[in-house]
C-alpha atoms as a PDB file:
ATOM      1  CA  UNK A   1       9.028  19.495  -3.990  1.00  0.00           C
ATOM      2  CA  UNK A   2       8.373  16.423  -1.893  1.00  0.00           C
ATOM      3  CA  UNK A   3       4.961  16.665  -0.250  1.00  0.00           C
ATOM      4  CA  UNK A   4       5.153  13.535   1.886  1.00  0.00           C
ATOM      5  CA  UNK A   5       7.105  10.338   2.268  1.00  0.00           C
ATOM      6  CA  UNK A   6       5.787   7.090   3.647  1.00  0.00           C
ATOM      7  CA  UNK A   7       7.569   3.874   4.482  1.00  0.00           C
ATOM      8  CA  UNK A   8       5.735   0.626   3.933  1.00  0.00           C
ATOM      9  CA  UNK A   9       6.510  -2.653   5.623  1.00  0.00           C
ATOM     10  CA  UNK A  10       5.414  -5.764   3.786  1.00  0.00           C
ATOM     11  CA  UNK A  11       3.151  -8.219   5.501  1.00  0.00           C
ATOM     12  CA  UNK A  12       2.884 -11.901   4.663  1.00  0.00           C
ATOM     13  CA  UNK A  13      -0.561 -11.171   3.141  1.00  0.00           C
ATOM     14  CA  UNK A  14       0.731  -8.550   0.694  1.00  0.00           C
ATOM     15  CA  UNK A  15       3.943  -9.346  -1.122  1.00  0.00           C
ATOM     16  CA  UNK A  16       3.758  -6.162  -3.227  1.00  0.00           C
ATOM     17  CA  UNK A  17       3.209  -3.773  -0.339  1.00  0.00           C
ATOM     18  CA  UNK A  18       0.943  -1.449  -2.281  1.00  0.00           C
ATOM     19  CA  UNK A  19      -2.334  -1.978  -0.508  1.00  0.00           C
ATOM     20  CA  UNK A  20      -3.939  -1.184   2.822  1.00  0.00           C
ATOM     21  CA  UNK A  21      -2.634  -4.507   4.121  1.00  0.00           C
ATOM     22  CA  UNK A  22       0.914  -3.128   4.119  1.00  0.00           C
ATOM     23  CA  UNK A  23       1.876  -1.351   7.316  1.00  0.00           C
ATOM     24  CA  UNK A  24       2.899   2.217   6.634  1.00  0.00           C
ATOM     25  CA  UNK A  25       4.220   5.182   8.550  1.00  0.00           C
ATOM     26  CA  UNK A  26       4.962   8.768   7.685  1.00  0.00           C
ATOM     27  CA  UNK A  27       8.673   9.523   7.443  1.00  0.00           C
ATOM     28  CA  UNK A  28       9.440  13.031   8.684  1.00  0.00           C
ATOM     29  CA  UNK A  29      13.061  13.190   7.561  1.00  0.00           C
ATOM     30  CA  UNK A  30      14.667  11.254   4.744  1.00  0.00           C
ATOM     31  CA  UNK A  31      18.359  11.041   3.822  1.00  0.00           C
ATOM     32  CA  UNK A  32      19.483  13.808   1.439  1.00  0.00           C
ATOM     33  CA  UNK A  33      20.614  11.188  -1.089  1.00  0.00           C
ATOM     34  CA  UNK A  34      17.112   9.690  -1.194  1.00  0.00           C
ATOM     35  CA  UNK A  35      15.462  13.097  -1.569  1.00  0.00           C
ATOM     36  CA  UNK A  36      17.867  13.990  -4.367  1.00  0.00           C
ATOM     37  CA  UNK A  37      17.170  10.686  -6.135  1.00  0.00           C
ATOM     38  CA  UNK A  38      13.398  11.141  -5.911  1.00  0.00           C
ATOM     39  CA  UNK A  39      13.509  14.732  -7.165  1.00  0.00           C
ATOM     40  CA  UNK A  40      15.788  13.785 -10.069  1.00  0.00           C
ATOM     41  CA  UNK A  41      13.500  10.903 -11.064  1.00  0.00           C
ATOM     42  CA  UNK A  42      10.547  13.283 -10.981  1.00  0.00           C
ATOM     43  CA  UNK A  43      12.354  15.846 -13.134  1.00  0.00           C
ATOM     44  CA  UNK A  44      13.509  13.242 -15.654  1.00  0.00           C
ATOM     45  CA  UNK A  45       9.980  11.836 -15.946  1.00  0.00           C
ATOM     46  CA  UNK A  46       8.685  15.130 -17.338  1.00  0.00           C
ATOM     47  CA  UNK A  47       5.549  14.772 -15.217  1.00  0.00           C
ATOM     48  CA  UNK A  48       4.014  17.685 -13.339  1.00  0.00           C
ATOM     49  CA  UNK A  49       3.501  15.398 -10.334  1.00  0.00           C
ATOM     50  CA  UNK A  50       4.021  11.734  -9.636  1.00  0.00           C
ATOM     51  CA  UNK A  51       4.499   9.083  -7.013  1.00  0.00           C
ATOM     52  CA  UNK A  52       7.868   7.367  -6.857  1.00  0.00           C
ATOM     53  CA  UNK A  53       8.291   3.863  -5.483  1.00  0.00           C
ATOM     54  CA  UNK A  54      11.749   3.237  -4.058  1.00  0.00           C
ATOM     55  CA  UNK A  55      13.171   0.166  -2.359  1.00  0.00           C
ATOM     56  CA  UNK A  56      16.177   0.004  -0.068  1.00  0.00           C
ATOM     57  CA  UNK A  57      18.640  -2.730  -0.979  1.00  0.00           C
ATOM     58  CA  UNK A  58      21.382  -3.233   1.596  1.00  0.00           C
ATOM     59  CA  UNK A  59      23.310   0.041   1.400  1.00  0.00           C
ATOM     60  CA  UNK A  60      21.569   1.862  -1.473  1.00  0.00           C
ATOM     61  CA  UNK A  61      18.176   2.807  -2.880  1.00  0.00           C
ATOM     62  CA  UNK A  62      16.615   1.616  -6.149  1.00  0.00           C
ATOM     63  CA  UNK A  63      13.752   3.257  -8.017  1.00  0.00           C
ATOM     64  CA  UNK A  64      11.078   0.692  -8.783  1.00  0.00           C
ATOM     65  CA  UNK A  65       8.721   2.924 -10.729  1.00  0.00           C
ATOM     66  CA  UNK A  66       7.477   6.435 -11.310  1.00  0.00           C
ATOM     67  CA  UNK A  67       3.679   6.550 -11.109  1.00  0.00           C
ATOM     68  CA  UNK A  68       1.998   9.184 -13.316  1.00  0.00           C
ATOM     69  CA  UNK A  69      -1.356   8.525 -11.600  1.00  0.00           C
ATOM     70  CA  UNK A  70      -0.428   7.662  -8.033  1.00  0.00           C
ATOM     71  CA  UNK A  71      -2.906   6.871  -5.313  1.00  0.00           C
ATOM     72  CA  UNK A  72      -2.605   9.392  -2.514  1.00  0.00           C
ATOM     73  CA  UNK A  73      -5.178   8.056  -0.047  1.00  0.00           C
ATOM     74  CA  UNK A  74      -2.703   6.388   2.314  1.00  0.00           C
ATOM     75  CA  UNK A  75      -0.299   9.342   2.141  1.00  0.00           C
ATOM     76  CA  UNK A  76      -3.137  11.745   2.934  1.00  0.00           C
ATOM     77  CA  UNK A  77      -4.341   9.630   5.852  1.00  0.00           C
ATOM     78  CA  UNK A  78      -0.865   9.406   7.377  1.00  0.00           C
ATOM     79  CA  UNK A  79       0.266  12.972   6.736  1.00  0.00           C
ATOM     80  CA  UNK A  80      -2.952  14.953   7.044  1.00  0.00           C
ATOM     81  CA  UNK A  81      -1.977  16.736   3.819  1.00  0.00           C
ATOM     82  CA  UNK A  82      -4.637  17.274   1.154  1.00  0.00           C
ATOM     83  CA  UNK A  83      -2.515  16.330  -1.860  1.00  0.00           C
ATOM     84  CA  UNK A  84      -5.031  17.559  -4.459  1.00  0.00           C
ATOM     85  CA  UNK A  85      -5.161  20.984  -2.803  1.00  0.00           C
ATOM     86  CA  UNK A  86      -1.361  21.163  -2.671  1.00  0.00           C
ATOM     87  CA  UNK A  87      -1.105  20.339  -6.381  1.00  0.00           C
ATOM     88  CA  UNK A  88      -3.706  22.959  -7.314  1.00  0.00           C
ATOM     89  CA  UNK A  89      -1.977  25.605  -5.188  1.00  0.00           C
ATOM     90  CA  UNK A  90       1.306  24.941  -7.011  1.00  0.00           C
ATOM     91  CA  UNK A  91      -0.369  25.612 -10.371  1.00  0.00           C
ATOM     92  CA  UNK A  92      -1.386  29.152  -9.403  1.00  0.00           C
END
């Protein structure tokens, strides 16, 4: 299950795009192909939960990494979702 998706835009101060300096926005609807790719990567990782970094390259998406200990602060701020609570509720 995807809990939230954010899109980051690189700034000239942050070439990696993984900090507060990167502009980010919550994405309400993602293409089915991207959702399928993210869910498959998650399943193949064998992790109970993870963060998946994906980059768009011209006409397709590429998985950069699967994060076993992702930082959820920016996702929580943008989405209003308490990620820890969601994960705990899925365990029950």
